[in-house]
């Protein structure tokens, strides 16, 4: 039972993480599938490129909550079942993996930045504040969401190890950090080439189909 409950909780976390809110919110608001324009990433930053700020905010909030709430649930109700930090970290990692490879969306997920942030806030609220501050500083000065995410992913486990302690939380942060950097490989190449899209920049790909259909057909 001691082994089954943590694994079962992790599976539930994965299923919750598999809810791709970028796609769900976009469909509900009549927008194009975020996987069809911009970076093709089903996340808040790419949804923002559609020009609909409300959809982007909703995506950000729900993606963060699906990482935060499962971890919070373990913190609140776990002790009565002898579930502690290790299970909370496992559940958070499950939710994060669900976002990256969602079972409900053919395993085509996003990069996990907002969900990782939610997990971090659930595991260690003060670490969440420090990591969010890092993201905001880098994003403000660079205007690159991807760069801010990469730097924050690298610093989160460092903060945990230097200020708090090693343990399940630190291990979870290291795994999430490595996966986040790996998922940003294409962005890293674009950053080095100077072609990466900045925050708030609209995606031209979404308008391409309409532009093609407006051209008059040539008479044969």
N, C-alpha and C. Protein backbone atom coordinates (compact mmCIF):
# COMPACT_ATOMS: atom_id res chain seq x y z
N UNK A 1 0.83 -1.22 0.00
CA UNK A 1 0.00 0.00 0.00
C UNK A 1 0.86 1.26 0.00
N UNK A 2 2.01 1.16 0.72
CA UNK A 2 2.91 2.30 0.80
C UNK A 2 3.46 2.66 -0.58
N UNK A 3 3.62 1.66 -1.45
CA UNK A 3 4.15 1.89 -2.79
C UNK A 3 3.04 2.23 -3.78
N UNK A 4 1.90 1.61 -3.61
CA UNK A 4 0.79 1.79 -4.55
C UNK A 4 0.24 3.22 -4.52
N UNK A 5 0.04 3.77 -3.34
CA UNK A 5 -0.57 5.10 -3.22
C UNK A 5 0.25 6.20 -3.91
N UNK A 6 1.56 6.27 -3.67
CA UNK A 6 2.36 7.29 -4.38
C UNK A 6 2.29 7.13 -5.91
N UNK A 7 2.35 5.89 -6.39
CA UNK A 7 2.29 5.65 -7.83
C UNK A 7 0.93 6.01 -8.39
N UNK A 8 -0.12 5.68 -7.65
CA UNK A 8 -1.47 6.03 -8.07
C UNK A 8 -1.65 7.54 -8.11
N UNK A 9 -1.11 8.21 -7.11
CA UNK A 9 -1.18 9.68 -7.06
C UNK A 9 -0.43 10.30 -8.24
N UNK A 10 0.71 9.69 -8.60
CA UNK A 10 1.50 10.19 -9.73
C UNK A 10 0.74 10.03 -11.04
N UNK A 11 0.03 8.92 -11.19
CA UNK A 11 -0.78 8.68 -12.39
C UNK A 11 -1.89 9.73 -12.49
N UNK A 12 -2.54 10.01 -11.37
CA UNK A 12 -3.59 11.04 -11.35
C UNK A 12 -3.00 12.39 -11.73
N UNK A 13 -1.80 12.68 -11.19
CA UNK A 13 -1.12 13.93 -11.54
C UNK A 13 -0.84 14.01 -13.03
N UNK A 14 -0.40 12.87 -13.60
CA UNK A 14 -0.12 12.82 -15.05
C UNK A 14 -1.39 13.08 -15.86
N UNK A 15 -2.50 12.49 -15.47
CA UNK A 15 -3.75 12.66 -16.21
C UNK A 15 -4.24 14.12 -16.13
N UNK A 16 -4.07 14.73 -14.97
CA UNK A 16 -4.45 16.15 -14.85
C UNK A 16 -3.53 17.01 -15.71
N UNK A 17 -2.25 16.68 -15.70
CA UNK A 17 -1.30 17.43 -16.53
C UNK A 17 -1.54 17.26 -18.01
N UNK A 18 -2.20 16.16 -18.40
CA UNK A 18 -2.47 15.88 -19.81
C UNK A 18 -3.57 16.76 -20.40
N UNK A 19 -4.22 17.56 -19.56
CA UNK A 19 -5.23 18.49 -20.07
C UNK A 19 -4.52 19.69 -20.68
N UNK A 20 -4.45 19.74 -22.00
CA UNK A 20 -3.75 20.81 -22.70
C UNK A 20 -4.67 22.03 -22.82
N UNK A 21 -4.53 22.96 -21.88
CA UNK A 21 -5.47 24.08 -21.84
C UNK A 21 -5.27 25.08 -22.97
N UNK A 22 -4.10 25.10 -23.59
CA UNK A 22 -3.91 25.97 -24.75
C UNK A 22 -4.87 25.57 -25.86
N UNK A 23 -5.00 24.26 -26.06
CA UNK A 23 -5.92 23.74 -27.09
C UNK A 23 -7.36 23.88 -26.63
N UNK A 24 -7.63 23.52 -25.36
CA UNK A 24 -8.99 23.56 -24.84
C UNK A 24 -9.55 24.98 -24.85
N UNK A 25 -8.78 25.93 -24.34
CA UNK A 25 -9.23 27.33 -24.29
C UNK A 25 -9.40 27.90 -25.70
N UNK A 26 -8.47 27.58 -26.59
CA UNK A 26 -8.55 28.08 -27.97
C UNK A 26 -9.80 27.57 -28.67
N UNK A 27 -10.10 26.30 -28.48
CA UNK A 27 -11.31 25.73 -29.09
C UNK A 27 -12.56 26.39 -28.51
N UNK A 28 -12.57 26.57 -27.19
CA UNK A 28 -13.74 27.16 -26.53
C UNK A 28 -13.98 28.59 -26.97
N UNK A 29 -12.91 29.31 -27.34
CA UNK A 29 -13.03 30.72 -27.73
C UNK A 29 -13.03 30.90 -29.24
N UNK A 30 -13.09 29.79 -29.98
CA UNK A 30 -13.17 29.87 -31.43
C UNK A 30 -11.89 30.31 -32.10
N UNK A 31 -10.75 30.04 -31.50
CA UNK A 31 -9.46 30.43 -32.07
C UNK A 31 -8.81 29.25 -32.80
N UNK A 32 -7.79 29.56 -33.57
CA UNK A 32 -7.05 28.51 -34.27
C UNK A 32 -6.30 27.65 -33.26
N UNK A 33 -6.08 26.40 -33.63
CA UNK A 33 -5.32 25.50 -32.78
C UNK A 33 -3.90 26.07 -32.63
N UNK A 34 -3.41 26.29 -31.40
CA UNK A 34 -2.08 26.89 -31.21
C UNK A 34 -0.94 26.04 -31.77
N UNK A 35 -1.23 24.79 -32.07
CA UNK A 35 -0.21 23.94 -32.67
C UNK A 35 -0.07 24.19 -34.17
N UNK A 36 -0.91 25.08 -34.72
CA UNK A 36 -0.92 25.32 -36.16
C UNK A 36 -0.28 26.66 -36.57
N UNK A 37 0.23 27.41 -35.61
CA UNK A 37 0.85 28.70 -35.96
C UNK A 37 1.98 29.02 -34.99
N UNK A 38 2.71 30.08 -35.30
CA UNK A 38 3.82 30.51 -34.44
C UNK A 38 4.84 29.41 -34.24
N UNK A 39 5.16 29.14 -32.99
CA UNK A 39 6.13 28.11 -32.66
C UNK A 39 5.52 26.71 -32.73
N UNK A 40 4.17 26.66 -32.79
CA UNK A 40 3.49 25.38 -32.79
C UNK A 40 3.37 24.78 -31.40
N UNK A 41 3.81 25.53 -30.40
CA UNK A 41 3.78 25.04 -29.01
C UNK A 41 2.44 25.35 -28.35
N UNK A 42 1.74 24.34 -27.81
CA UNK A 42 0.48 24.61 -27.13
C UNK A 42 0.72 25.15 -25.72
N UNK A 43 1.06 26.43 -25.67
CA UNK A 43 1.33 27.10 -24.40
C UNK A 43 0.84 28.53 -24.44
N UNK A 44 0.89 29.20 -23.30
CA UNK A 44 0.35 30.56 -23.18
C UNK A 44 1.06 31.56 -24.09
N UNK A 45 2.38 31.45 -24.19
CA UNK A 45 3.14 32.40 -25.01
C UNK A 45 2.72 32.32 -26.48
N UNK A 46 2.52 31.11 -26.98
CA UNK A 46 2.12 30.98 -28.38
C UNK A 46 0.67 31.40 -28.58
N UNK A 47 -0.19 31.11 -27.60
CA UNK A 47 -1.59 31.56 -27.69
C UNK A 47 -1.64 33.09 -27.75
N UNK A 48 -0.73 33.74 -27.03
CA UNK A 48 -0.67 35.21 -27.06
C UNK A 48 -0.38 35.73 -28.46
N UNK A 49 0.32 34.95 -29.25
CA UNK A 49 0.63 35.35 -30.63
C UNK A 49 -0.60 35.38 -31.52
N UNK A 50 -1.70 34.80 -31.04
CA UNK A 50 -2.95 34.88 -31.79
C UNK A 50 -3.57 36.26 -31.68
N UNK A 51 -3.07 37.04 -30.72
CA UNK A 51 -3.61 38.39 -30.50
C UNK A 51 -4.69 38.43 -29.44
N UNK A 52 -5.08 37.28 -28.90
CA UNK A 52 -6.14 37.21 -27.90
C UNK A 52 -5.49 37.08 -26.51
N UNK A 53 -5.41 38.20 -25.80
CA UNK A 53 -4.75 38.21 -24.49
C UNK A 53 -5.53 37.42 -23.45
N UNK A 54 -6.85 37.48 -23.53
CA UNK A 54 -7.68 36.76 -22.56
C UNK A 54 -7.43 35.25 -22.65
N UNK A 55 -7.34 34.75 -23.87
CA UNK A 55 -7.08 33.32 -24.07
C UNK A 55 -5.71 32.94 -23.53
N UNK A 56 -4.73 33.81 -23.74
CA UNK A 56 -3.38 33.54 -23.25
C UNK A 56 -3.34 33.52 -21.72
N UNK A 57 -4.04 34.46 -21.10
CA UNK A 57 -4.07 34.52 -19.63
C UNK A 57 -4.74 33.29 -19.06
N UNK A 58 -5.88 32.90 -19.65
CA UNK A 58 -6.59 31.71 -19.18
C UNK A 58 -5.72 30.46 -19.32
N UNK A 59 -5.01 30.36 -20.44
CA UNK A 59 -4.12 29.23 -20.66
C UNK A 59 -3.03 29.20 -19.61
N UNK A 60 -2.43 30.35 -19.35
CA UNK A 60 -1.36 30.45 -18.35
C UNK A 60 -1.85 30.02 -16.97
N UNK A 61 -3.01 30.54 -16.57
CA UNK A 61 -3.56 30.26 -15.24
C UNK A 61 -3.88 28.77 -15.08
N UNK A 62 -4.59 28.21 -16.05
CA UNK A 62 -5.00 26.81 -15.94
C UNK A 62 -3.81 25.85 -16.05
N UNK A 63 -2.82 26.19 -16.91
CA UNK A 63 -1.63 25.34 -17.01
C UNK A 63 -0.84 25.35 -15.71
N UNK A 64 -0.80 26.51 -15.04
CA UNK A 64 -0.11 26.60 -13.75
C UNK A 64 -0.88 25.85 -12.67
N UNK A 65 -2.20 25.98 -12.68
CA UNK A 65 -3.03 25.33 -11.66
C UNK A 65 -2.96 23.81 -11.74
N UNK A 66 -2.84 23.28 -12.96
CA UNK A 66 -2.79 21.82 -13.08
C UNK A 66 -1.47 21.25 -12.55
N UNK A 67 -0.48 22.12 -12.37
CA UNK A 67 0.74 21.70 -11.71
C UNK A 67 0.69 21.95 -10.21
N UNK A 68 0.02 23.03 -9.82
CA UNK A 68 -0.03 23.44 -8.42
C UNK A 68 -1.02 22.62 -7.58
N UNK A 69 -2.23 22.44 -8.09
CA UNK A 69 -3.29 21.81 -7.30
C UNK A 69 -3.01 20.34 -6.93
N UNK A 70 -2.50 19.51 -7.83
CA UNK A 70 -2.19 18.13 -7.42
C UNK A 70 -1.15 18.06 -6.30
N UNK A 71 -0.14 18.94 -6.38
CA UNK A 71 0.88 18.98 -5.32
C UNK A 71 0.28 19.48 -4.02
N UNK A 72 -0.56 20.50 -4.12
CA UNK A 72 -1.23 21.04 -2.94
C UNK A 72 -2.12 19.98 -2.30
N UNK A 73 -2.80 19.19 -3.11
CA UNK A 73 -3.68 18.15 -2.60
C UNK A 73 -2.90 17.14 -1.76
N UNK A 74 -1.68 16.79 -2.21
CA UNK A 74 -0.83 15.87 -1.44
C UNK A 74 -0.41 16.51 -0.13
N UNK A 75 -0.06 17.81 -0.18
CA UNK A 75 0.37 18.51 1.03
C UNK A 75 -0.76 18.58 2.06
N UNK A 76 -2.01 18.74 1.60
CA UNK A 76 -3.15 18.91 2.50
C UNK A 76 -3.66 17.56 3.01
N UNK A 77 -3.87 16.62 2.10
CA UNK A 77 -4.49 15.33 2.48
C UNK A 77 -3.51 14.17 2.58
N UNK A 78 -2.29 14.37 2.09
CA UNK A 78 -1.32 13.29 2.09
C UNK A 78 -0.91 12.77 3.46
N UNK A 79 -0.66 13.66 4.44
CA UNK A 79 -0.18 13.19 5.74
C UNK A 79 -1.03 12.12 6.40
N UNK A 80 -2.35 12.16 6.22
CA UNK A 80 -3.21 11.14 6.84
C UNK A 80 -2.99 9.75 6.21
N UNK A 81 -2.37 9.73 5.03
CA UNK A 81 -2.06 8.45 4.37
C UNK A 81 -0.55 8.21 4.33
N UNK A 82 0.18 8.96 5.16
CA UNK A 82 1.65 8.87 5.24
C UNK A 82 2.33 9.22 3.92
N UNK A 83 1.74 10.15 3.19
CA UNK A 83 2.33 10.63 1.95
C UNK A 83 2.98 11.99 2.21
N UNK A 84 4.26 12.09 1.93
CA UNK A 84 4.99 13.32 2.24
C UNK A 84 5.60 14.00 1.04
N UNK A 85 6.78 14.58 1.25
CA UNK A 85 7.45 15.37 0.21
C UNK A 85 7.76 14.54 -1.03
N UNK A 86 8.15 13.29 -0.81
CA UNK A 86 8.49 12.43 -1.95
C UNK A 86 7.31 12.23 -2.88
N UNK A 87 6.14 11.99 -2.32
CA UNK A 87 4.93 11.80 -3.14
C UNK A 87 4.53 13.10 -3.81
N UNK A 88 4.65 14.21 -3.09
CA UNK A 88 4.31 15.52 -3.66
C UNK A 88 5.19 15.81 -4.87
N UNK A 89 6.49 15.53 -4.75
CA UNK A 89 7.42 15.74 -5.86
C UNK A 89 7.09 14.81 -7.02
N UNK A 90 6.73 13.56 -6.71
CA UNK A 90 6.38 12.59 -7.74
C UNK A 90 5.11 13.00 -8.49
N UNK A 91 4.13 13.49 -7.75
CA UNK A 91 2.87 13.96 -8.36
C UNK A 91 3.13 15.19 -9.23
N UNK A 92 3.94 16.10 -8.73
CA UNK A 92 4.28 17.29 -9.52
C UNK A 92 4.99 16.94 -10.80
N UNK A 93 5.93 15.99 -10.71
CA UNK A 93 6.65 15.54 -11.90
C UNK A 93 5.69 14.86 -12.87
N UNK A 94 4.72 14.11 -12.33
CA UNK A 94 3.72 13.47 -13.18
C UNK A 94 2.90 14.48 -13.95
N UNK A 95 2.46 15.54 -13.26
CA UNK A 95 1.69 16.59 -13.93
C UNK A 95 2.51 17.28 -15.02
N UNK A 96 3.78 17.51 -14.73
CA UNK A 96 4.68 18.13 -15.70
C UNK A 96 4.86 17.25 -16.94
N UNK A 97 5.08 15.95 -16.72
CA UNK A 97 5.23 15.02 -17.83
C UNK A 97 3.94 14.90 -18.63
N UNK A 98 2.80 15.02 -17.94
CA UNK A 98 1.53 15.00 -18.64
C UNK A 98 1.39 16.17 -19.60
N UNK A 99 1.89 17.32 -19.19
CA UNK A 99 1.83 18.49 -20.09
C UNK A 99 2.74 18.28 -21.30
N UNK A 100 3.91 17.71 -21.08
CA UNK A 100 4.84 17.48 -22.19
C UNK A 100 4.34 16.42 -23.16
N UNK A 101 3.78 15.34 -22.59
CA UNK A 101 3.28 14.23 -23.42
C UNK A 101 1.86 13.87 -22.98
N UNK A 102 0.87 14.68 -23.35
CA UNK A 102 -0.51 14.47 -22.89
C UNK A 102 -1.20 13.30 -23.59
N UNK A 103 -1.71 12.38 -22.77
CA UNK A 103 -2.36 11.19 -23.32
C UNK A 103 -3.63 11.55 -24.08
N UNK A 104 -4.27 12.66 -23.72
CA UNK A 104 -5.52 13.05 -24.36
C UNK A 104 -5.31 13.79 -25.69
N UNK A 105 -4.06 14.17 -25.99
CA UNK A 105 -3.79 14.94 -27.21
C UNK A 105 -2.65 14.31 -28.01
N UNK A 106 -2.72 12.98 -28.14
CA UNK A 106 -1.77 12.22 -28.96
C UNK A 106 -0.32 12.46 -28.54
N UNK A 107 -0.11 12.73 -27.27
CA UNK A 107 1.22 12.94 -26.69
C UNK A 107 1.95 14.12 -27.31
N UNK A 108 1.20 15.06 -27.89
CA UNK A 108 1.78 16.27 -28.48
C UNK A 108 1.52 17.44 -27.54
N UNK A 109 2.47 17.68 -26.64
CA UNK A 109 2.27 18.70 -25.62
C UNK A 109 3.19 19.90 -25.76
N UNK A 110 3.14 20.75 -24.75
CA UNK A 110 3.93 21.97 -24.77
C UNK A 110 5.28 21.79 -24.08
N UNK A 111 5.88 22.91 -23.69
CA UNK A 111 7.21 22.88 -23.10
C UNK A 111 7.16 22.85 -21.58
N UNK A 112 5.99 23.14 -21.00
CA UNK A 112 5.81 22.91 -19.58
C UNK A 112 6.21 24.02 -18.64
N UNK A 113 6.43 25.23 -19.15
CA UNK A 113 6.92 26.32 -18.30
C UNK A 113 5.92 26.69 -17.21
N UNK A 114 4.67 26.95 -17.60
CA UNK A 114 3.65 27.34 -16.62
C UNK A 114 3.35 26.21 -15.65
N UNK A 115 3.28 24.98 -16.16
CA UNK A 115 3.01 23.83 -15.30
C UNK A 115 4.14 23.61 -14.31
N UNK A 116 5.37 23.76 -14.77
CA UNK A 116 6.53 23.64 -13.88
C UNK A 116 6.48 24.71 -12.79
N UNK A 117 6.07 25.92 -13.16
CA UNK A 117 5.95 27.00 -12.18
C UNK A 117 4.92 26.64 -11.11
N UNK A 118 3.80 26.08 -11.55
CA UNK A 118 2.77 25.65 -10.60
C UNK A 118 3.28 24.58 -9.66
N UNK A 119 4.04 23.63 -10.19
CA UNK A 119 4.61 22.56 -9.37
C UNK A 119 5.57 23.14 -8.33
N UNK A 120 6.41 24.08 -8.77
CA UNK A 120 7.38 24.69 -7.85
C UNK A 120 6.68 25.44 -6.73
N UNK A 121 5.64 26.18 -7.05
CA UNK A 121 4.90 26.91 -6.02
C UNK A 121 4.25 25.93 -5.04
N UNK A 122 3.80 24.79 -5.54
CA UNK A 122 3.19 23.79 -4.67
C UNK A 122 4.20 23.14 -3.74
N UNK A 123 5.40 22.87 -4.26
CA UNK A 123 6.44 22.21 -3.46
C UNK A 123 7.10 23.16 -2.47
N UNK A 124 7.35 24.39 -2.91
CA UNK A 124 8.07 25.36 -2.08
C UNK A 124 7.67 26.77 -2.52
N UNK A 125 6.68 27.38 -1.86
CA UNK A 125 6.18 28.69 -2.28
C UNK A 125 7.26 29.78 -2.38
N UNK A 126 8.20 29.79 -1.44
CA UNK A 126 9.26 30.80 -1.48
C UNK A 126 10.18 30.58 -2.68
N UNK A 127 10.45 29.33 -3.00
CA UNK A 127 11.23 29.02 -4.19
C UNK A 127 10.47 29.45 -5.43
N UNK A 128 9.14 29.28 -5.41
CA UNK A 128 8.31 29.72 -6.52
C UNK A 128 8.43 31.21 -6.75
N UNK A 129 8.44 31.97 -5.68
CA UNK A 129 8.58 33.43 -5.78
C UNK A 129 9.95 33.78 -6.37
N UNK A 130 10.99 33.12 -5.90
CA UNK A 130 12.35 33.40 -6.40
C UNK A 130 12.48 33.05 -7.88
N UNK A 131 11.89 31.92 -8.27
CA UNK A 131 11.96 31.48 -9.67
C UNK A 131 11.15 32.40 -10.57
N UNK A 132 9.96 32.80 -10.09
CA UNK A 132 9.13 33.72 -10.86
C UNK A 132 9.83 35.07 -11.03
N UNK A 133 10.48 35.54 -9.98
CA UNK A 133 11.22 36.81 -10.05
C UNK A 133 12.33 36.72 -11.10
N UNK A 134 13.00 35.57 -11.14
CA UNK A 134 14.05 35.36 -12.14
C UNK A 134 13.48 35.43 -13.55
N UNK A 135 12.33 34.76 -13.74
CA UNK A 135 11.68 34.77 -15.07
C UNK A 135 11.30 36.20 -15.47
N UNK A 136 10.70 36.93 -14.56
CA UNK A 136 10.24 38.29 -14.85
C UNK A 136 11.40 39.22 -15.20
N UNK A 137 12.50 39.11 -14.48
CA UNK A 137 13.66 39.96 -14.74
C UNK A 137 14.23 39.69 -16.13
N UNK A 138 14.44 38.40 -16.44
CA UNK A 138 15.01 38.05 -17.75
C UNK A 138 14.04 38.41 -18.88
N UNK A 139 12.76 38.15 -18.66
CA UNK A 139 11.76 38.45 -19.69
C UNK A 139 11.64 39.96 -19.92
N UNK A 140 11.71 40.73 -18.85
CA UNK A 140 11.57 42.19 -18.96
C UNK A 140 12.71 42.80 -19.77
N UNK A 141 13.91 42.36 -19.51
CA UNK A 141 15.07 42.96 -20.17
C UNK A 141 15.34 42.37 -21.56
N UNK A 142 14.99 41.11 -21.77
CA UNK A 142 15.29 40.48 -23.06
C UNK A 142 14.08 40.43 -24.00
N UNK A 143 12.87 40.40 -23.43
CA UNK A 143 11.62 40.24 -24.18
C UNK A 143 11.51 38.86 -24.81
N UNK A 144 12.32 37.92 -24.36
CA UNK A 144 12.26 36.56 -24.87
C UNK A 144 11.73 35.64 -23.77
N UNK A 145 10.55 35.09 -23.98
CA UNK A 145 9.97 34.17 -23.01
C UNK A 145 10.80 32.90 -22.89
N UNK A 146 11.31 32.43 -24.01
CA UNK A 146 12.09 31.19 -24.01
C UNK A 146 13.38 31.34 -23.19
N UNK A 147 14.06 32.47 -23.36
CA UNK A 147 15.30 32.70 -22.61
C UNK A 147 15.01 32.78 -21.12
N UNK A 148 13.92 33.46 -20.76
CA UNK A 148 13.53 33.57 -19.35
C UNK A 148 13.23 32.19 -18.76
N UNK A 149 12.57 31.34 -19.55
CA UNK A 149 12.23 30.00 -19.09
C UNK A 149 13.48 29.15 -18.90
N UNK A 150 14.42 29.24 -19.82
CA UNK A 150 15.66 28.45 -19.74
C UNK A 150 16.48 28.85 -18.52
N UNK A 151 16.63 30.15 -18.31
CA UNK A 151 17.41 30.64 -17.17
C UNK A 151 16.73 30.25 -15.85
N UNK A 152 15.41 30.41 -15.79
CA UNK A 152 14.67 30.05 -14.58
C UNK A 152 14.76 28.56 -14.28
N UNK A 153 14.67 27.74 -15.33
CA UNK A 153 14.77 26.29 -15.17
C UNK A 153 16.13 25.88 -14.62
N UNK A 154 17.18 26.62 -15.02
CA UNK A 154 18.52 26.32 -14.54
C UNK A 154 18.73 26.76 -13.10
N UNK A 155 18.12 27.89 -12.73
CA UNK A 155 18.34 28.46 -11.41
C UNK A 155 17.47 27.85 -10.32
N UNK A 156 16.29 27.33 -10.67
CA UNK A 156 15.38 26.79 -9.66
C UNK A 156 16.03 25.70 -8.79
N UNK A 157 16.64 24.66 -9.38
CA UNK A 157 17.28 23.65 -8.53
C UNK A 157 18.48 24.19 -7.76
N UNK A 158 19.16 25.18 -8.34
CA UNK A 158 20.30 25.80 -7.64
C UNK A 158 19.82 26.53 -6.39
N UNK A 159 18.73 27.29 -6.53
CA UNK A 159 18.15 27.97 -5.37
C UNK A 159 17.78 26.95 -4.29
N UNK A 160 17.14 25.87 -4.70
CA UNK A 160 16.70 24.85 -3.75
C UNK A 160 17.88 24.25 -2.99
N UNK A 161 18.94 23.94 -3.71
CA UNK A 161 20.10 23.30 -3.09
C UNK A 161 20.89 24.26 -2.20
N UNK A 162 20.97 25.52 -2.61
CA UNK A 162 21.76 26.48 -1.85
C UNK A 162 21.02 27.02 -0.63
N UNK A 163 19.73 27.30 -0.78
CA UNK A 163 18.97 27.95 0.29
C UNK A 163 18.24 26.95 1.17
N UNK A 164 17.71 25.88 0.57
CA UNK A 164 16.95 24.91 1.33
C UNK A 164 17.76 23.63 1.49
N UNK A 165 17.40 22.56 0.81
CA UNK A 165 18.14 21.32 1.00
C UNK A 165 17.94 20.39 -0.19
N UNK A 166 18.82 19.39 -0.24
CA UNK A 166 18.66 18.35 -1.25
C UNK A 166 17.55 17.40 -0.79
N UNK A 167 16.99 16.67 -1.74
CA UNK A 167 15.89 15.77 -1.39
C UNK A 167 14.99 15.56 -2.59
N UNK A 168 13.80 15.02 -2.40
CA UNK A 168 12.87 14.77 -3.50
C UNK A 168 12.53 16.03 -4.30
N UNK A 169 12.36 17.16 -3.61
CA UNK A 169 12.04 18.40 -4.31
C UNK A 169 13.16 18.80 -5.25
N UNK A 170 14.38 18.74 -4.77
CA UNK A 170 15.54 19.10 -5.60
C UNK A 170 15.66 18.18 -6.80
N UNK A 171 15.44 16.88 -6.58
CA UNK A 171 15.53 15.92 -7.68
C UNK A 171 14.46 16.20 -8.73
N UNK A 172 13.24 16.50 -8.27
CA UNK A 172 12.15 16.85 -9.19
C UNK A 172 12.51 18.08 -10.01
N UNK A 173 13.10 19.08 -9.35
CA UNK A 173 13.47 20.32 -10.04
C UNK A 173 14.56 20.10 -11.08
N UNK A 174 15.51 19.24 -10.74
CA UNK A 174 16.60 18.94 -11.69
C UNK A 174 16.05 18.25 -12.94
N UNK A 175 15.17 17.27 -12.74
CA UNK A 175 14.57 16.56 -13.88
C UNK A 175 13.74 17.50 -14.74
N UNK A 176 12.89 18.32 -14.09
CA UNK A 176 12.08 19.27 -14.85
C UNK A 176 12.96 20.28 -15.57
N UNK A 177 14.02 20.74 -14.91
CA UNK A 177 14.91 21.71 -15.54
C UNK A 177 15.58 21.17 -16.78
N UNK A 178 16.07 19.93 -16.69
CA UNK A 178 16.73 19.31 -17.85
C UNK A 178 15.75 19.12 -19.00
N UNK A 179 14.53 18.69 -18.68
CA UNK A 179 13.52 18.50 -19.72
C UNK A 179 13.09 19.83 -20.34
N UNK A 180 12.99 20.86 -19.52
CA UNK A 180 12.62 22.19 -20.04
C UNK A 180 13.67 22.70 -21.02
N UNK A 181 14.93 22.58 -20.66
CA UNK A 181 16.00 23.03 -21.56
C UNK A 181 15.98 22.19 -22.84
N UNK A 182 15.78 20.88 -22.69
CA UNK A 182 15.72 20.00 -23.87
C UNK A 182 14.57 20.38 -24.78
N UNK A 183 13.41 20.70 -24.20
CA UNK A 183 12.24 21.08 -25.00
C UNK A 183 12.43 22.43 -25.68
N UNK A 184 13.41 23.20 -25.23
CA UNK A 184 13.66 24.52 -25.82
C UNK A 184 14.84 24.51 -26.80
N UNK A 185 15.20 23.32 -27.30
CA UNK A 185 16.34 23.23 -28.22
C UNK A 185 16.18 24.13 -29.44
N UNK A 186 14.98 24.08 -30.04
CA UNK A 186 14.73 24.91 -31.24
C UNK A 186 14.81 26.39 -30.89
N UNK A 187 14.31 26.76 -29.71
CA UNK A 187 14.36 28.15 -29.29
C UNK A 187 15.80 28.61 -29.06
N UNK A 188 16.62 27.72 -28.51
CA UNK A 188 18.03 28.05 -28.27
C UNK A 188 18.73 28.35 -29.60
N UNK A 189 18.43 27.53 -30.61
CA UNK A 189 19.03 27.76 -31.93
C UNK A 189 18.58 29.10 -32.51
N UNK A 190 17.29 29.42 -32.33
CA UNK A 190 16.76 30.69 -32.83
C UNK A 190 17.34 31.88 -32.07
N UNK A 191 17.54 31.70 -30.77
CA UNK A 191 18.14 32.77 -29.96
C UNK A 191 19.56 33.06 -30.45
N UNK A 192 20.30 32.01 -30.72
CA UNK A 192 21.68 32.17 -31.20
C UNK A 192 21.71 32.80 -32.59
N UNK A 193 20.68 32.49 -33.39
CA UNK A 193 20.61 33.03 -34.76
C UNK A 193 19.95 34.40 -34.81
N UNK A 194 19.36 34.82 -33.70
CA UNK A 194 18.68 36.13 -33.65
C UNK A 194 17.33 36.13 -34.33
N UNK A 195 16.70 34.96 -34.45
CA UNK A 195 15.41 34.87 -35.14
C UNK A 195 14.26 34.48 -34.19
N UNK A 196 14.52 34.41 -32.91
CA UNK A 196 13.49 34.02 -31.95
C UNK A 196 12.42 35.11 -31.82
N UNK A 197 11.15 34.69 -31.74
CA UNK A 197 10.05 35.65 -31.59
C UNK A 197 10.03 36.21 -30.17
N UNK A 198 9.69 37.49 -30.06
CA UNK A 198 9.64 38.12 -28.75
C UNK A 198 8.23 38.05 -28.18
N UNK A 199 8.12 38.32 -26.88
CA UNK A 199 6.84 38.26 -26.19
C UNK A 199 5.85 39.24 -26.81
N UNK A 200 4.65 38.74 -27.13
CA UNK A 200 3.61 39.58 -27.69
C UNK A 200 3.64 39.71 -29.19
N UNK A 201 4.68 39.16 -29.82
CA UNK A 201 4.79 39.23 -31.28
C UNK A 201 3.77 38.31 -31.91
N UNK A 202 2.94 38.84 -32.81
CA UNK A 202 1.89 38.03 -33.44
C UNK A 202 2.49 37.07 -34.45
N UNK A 203 1.83 35.95 -34.58
CA UNK A 203 2.29 34.93 -35.52
C UNK A 203 1.73 35.18 -36.89
N UNK A 204 2.64 35.23 -37.90
CA UNK A 204 2.17 35.44 -39.26
C UNK A 204 1.58 34.21 -39.89
N UNK A 205 1.96 33.04 -39.34
CA UNK A 205 1.49 31.78 -39.93
C UNK A 205 -0.01 31.62 -39.82
N UNK A 206 -0.61 32.21 -38.80
CA UNK A 206 -2.05 32.06 -38.60
C UNK A 206 -2.83 32.77 -39.69
N UNK A 207 -2.23 33.83 -40.23
CA UNK A 207 -2.92 34.61 -41.25
C UNK A 207 -2.62 34.13 -42.66
N UNK A 208 -1.64 33.22 -42.79
CA UNK A 208 -1.21 32.77 -44.11
C UNK A 208 -2.32 32.12 -44.92
N UNK A 209 -3.11 31.20 -44.34
CA UNK A 209 -4.17 30.56 -45.13
C UNK A 209 -5.16 31.57 -45.70
N UNK A 210 -5.52 32.57 -44.91
CA UNK A 210 -6.48 33.57 -45.36
C UNK A 210 -5.91 34.40 -46.50
N UNK A 211 -4.60 34.68 -46.41
CA UNK A 211 -3.96 35.48 -47.44
C UNK A 211 -3.95 34.74 -48.77
N UNK A 212 -3.71 33.41 -48.70
CA UNK A 212 -3.69 32.62 -49.92
C UNK A 212 -5.06 32.56 -50.57
N UNK A 213 -6.10 32.42 -49.75
CA UNK A 213 -7.44 32.26 -50.30
C UNK A 213 -7.97 33.54 -50.91
N UNK A 214 -7.35 34.70 -50.56
CA UNK A 214 -7.84 35.96 -51.07
C UNK A 214 -7.29 36.28 -52.45
N UNK A 215 -6.27 35.49 -52.90
CA UNK A 215 -5.69 35.76 -54.22
C UNK A 215 -6.64 35.31 -55.32
N UNK A 216 -6.81 36.14 -56.36
CA UNK A 216 -7.70 35.74 -57.46
C UNK A 216 -7.08 34.59 -58.25
N UNK A 217 -7.91 33.70 -58.68
CA UNK A 217 -7.43 32.58 -59.47
C UNK A 217 -7.14 33.01 -60.90
N UNK A 218 -6.07 32.43 -61.47
CA UNK A 218 -5.73 32.76 -62.85
C UNK A 218 -6.67 32.05 -63.79
N UNK A 219 -7.07 32.75 -64.82
CA UNK A 219 -7.94 32.14 -65.82
C UNK A 219 -7.11 31.28 -66.76
N UNK A 220 -7.64 30.11 -67.02
CA UNK A 220 -6.92 29.19 -67.91
C UNK A 220 -7.21 29.52 -69.37
